[in-house]
């Protein structure tokens, strides 16, 4: 976990209503309840992401999975060892690794140029 994410989540815990879930739901029938009683469902998380991104420059983001792609691609373009990336994200095959290599063609070109220009 990055220091920025750690600090952000620590601040969130100070204002978040508590409970077992970082992002929880208080059921409508329990309006006086202050502690989330269940985790968000996948669909609720997706709906909330859409609501936040709509009408912004980020509305092209299709879903949460793009954050995984961005994380991996940025690690790779910063020359983080592939074994560490694999460990972070659970890649086990070359096919899985290849999915993320196409996102920064300028990095590939810069690597070639650094040797042959």
Protein backbone atom coordinates (compact mmCIF):
# COMPACT_ATOMS: atom_id res chain seq x y z
CA UNK A 1 0.00 0.00 0.00
CA UNK A 2 1.37 3.41 -0.88
CA UNK A 3 1.94 5.96 1.86
CA UNK A 4 -0.65 8.26 0.25
CA UNK A 5 -3.32 5.54 0.28
CA UNK A 6 -2.44 4.59 3.84
CA UNK A 7 -2.72 8.22 5.02
CA UNK A 8 -5.99 8.68 3.12
CA UNK A 9 -7.55 5.57 4.64
CA UNK A 10 -6.38 6.57 8.12
CA UNK A 11 -8.10 9.95 7.69
CA UNK A 12 -11.21 8.18 6.37
CA UNK A 13 -11.33 6.00 9.50
CA UNK A 14 -11.50 9.16 11.62
CA UNK A 15 -14.75 10.31 9.97
CA UNK A 16 -16.19 6.99 8.81
CA UNK A 17 -19.02 5.63 10.94
CA UNK A 18 -17.15 2.48 11.91
CA UNK A 19 -18.01 -1.15 11.62
CA UNK A 20 -16.29 -4.05 9.94
CA UNK A 21 -16.49 -2.65 6.40
CA UNK A 22 -14.37 0.21 5.06
CA UNK A 23 -17.22 1.10 2.73
CA UNK A 24 -20.42 -0.22 4.21
CA UNK A 25 -24.14 0.22 3.84
CA UNK A 26 -26.65 1.20 6.48
CA UNK A 27 -29.91 -0.46 5.53
CA UNK A 28 -32.73 2.05 4.86
CA UNK A 29 -34.85 0.42 7.56
CA UNK A 30 -32.15 1.24 10.16
CA UNK A 31 -31.78 5.01 9.69
CA UNK A 32 -30.80 5.45 13.35
CA UNK A 33 -28.03 2.89 12.92
CA UNK A 34 -24.62 4.59 12.74
CA UNK A 35 -22.46 1.55 12.00
CA UNK A 36 -22.58 -0.02 8.52
CA UNK A 37 -24.06 -3.47 8.77
CA UNK A 38 -23.00 -4.94 5.45
CA UNK A 39 -20.44 -4.46 2.70
CA UNK A 40 -21.33 -2.80 -0.58
CA UNK A 41 -22.29 -5.22 -3.31
CA UNK A 42 -20.37 -5.21 -6.58
CA UNK A 43 -23.31 -3.48 -8.27
CA UNK A 44 -23.61 -0.82 -5.56
CA UNK A 45 -19.88 -0.09 -5.84
CA UNK A 46 -20.18 0.18 -9.64
CA UNK A 47 -23.24 2.44 -9.38
CA UNK A 48 -21.46 4.72 -6.91
CA UNK A 49 -18.37 4.92 -9.14
CA UNK A 50 -20.59 5.82 -12.13
CA UNK A 51 -22.35 8.52 -10.10
CA UNK A 52 -19.02 10.09 -9.10
CA UNK A 53 -17.51 9.96 -12.60
CA UNK A 54 -20.53 11.03 -14.64
CA UNK A 55 -20.33 14.60 -15.91
CA UNK A 56 -16.59 14.74 -15.29
CA UNK A 57 -13.55 14.32 -17.52
CA UNK A 58 -13.24 10.82 -16.02
CA UNK A 59 -16.59 9.61 -17.37
CA UNK A 60 -14.72 7.51 -19.95
CA UNK A 61 -13.58 5.18 -17.16
CA UNK A 62 -15.57 1.98 -17.61
CA UNK A 63 -15.23 0.57 -14.11
CA UNK A 64 -13.03 -0.31 -11.18
CA UNK A 65 -10.88 -2.73 -13.17
CA UNK A 66 -9.27 0.14 -15.07
CA UNK A 67 -7.58 1.13 -11.80
CA UNK A 68 -5.87 -2.27 -11.78
CA UNK A 69 -4.67 -1.71 -15.35
CA UNK A 70 -3.42 1.75 -14.44
CA UNK A 71 -1.61 0.48 -11.34
CA UNK A 72 0.16 -2.31 -13.23
CA UNK A 73 0.99 -0.18 -16.27
CA UNK A 74 2.47 2.59 -14.16
CA UNK A 75 4.59 0.12 -12.20
CA UNK A 76 5.83 -1.46 -15.42
CA UNK A 77 6.59 1.88 -17.08
CA UNK A 78 8.59 2.86 -13.99
CA UNK A 79 10.75 -0.27 -14.43
CA UNK A 80 9.44 -2.08 -11.37
CA UNK A 81 10.64 -5.68 -11.50
CA UNK A 82 8.05 -7.91 -13.17
CA UNK A 83 8.33 -10.44 -10.34
CA UNK A 84 7.17 -7.78 -7.88
CA UNK A 85 4.29 -6.76 -10.12
CA UNK A 86 3.30 -10.43 -10.43
CA UNK A 87 3.34 -10.74 -6.65
CA UNK A 88 1.28 -7.57 -6.15
CA UNK A 89 -1.46 -8.53 -8.60
CA UNK A 90 -1.34 -12.31 -8.82
CA UNK A 91 -0.14 -12.74 -12.39
CA UNK A 92 0.90 -16.31 -13.06
CA UNK A 93 1.18 -16.55 -16.84
CA UNK A 94 2.85 -14.65 -19.65
CA UNK A 95 -0.58 -14.06 -21.19
CA UNK A 96 -1.70 -12.20 -18.08
CA UNK A 97 1.43 -10.02 -18.20
CA UNK A 98 1.01 -9.20 -21.90
CA UNK A 99 -2.40 -7.58 -21.35
CA UNK A 100 -0.76 -4.61 -19.63
CA UNK A 101 2.28 -4.02 -21.86
CA UNK A 102 0.54 -2.23 -24.71
CA UNK A 103 -0.57 0.81 -22.75
CA UNK A 104 2.64 2.88 -22.89
CA UNK A 105 4.12 2.65 -26.40
CA UNK A 106 6.12 5.84 -25.80
CA UNK A 107 7.98 4.06 -22.99
CA UNK A 108 8.92 1.28 -25.41
CA UNK A 109 10.11 3.83 -27.96
CA UNK A 110 12.14 5.68 -25.31
CA UNK A 111 13.82 2.39 -24.33
CA UNK A 112 14.85 1.71 -27.93
CA UNK A 113 15.98 5.31 -28.43
CA UNK A 114 18.10 5.22 -25.28
CA UNK A 115 20.17 2.43 -26.78
CA UNK A 116 20.25 3.23 -30.50
CA UNK A 117 19.99 7.02 -30.82
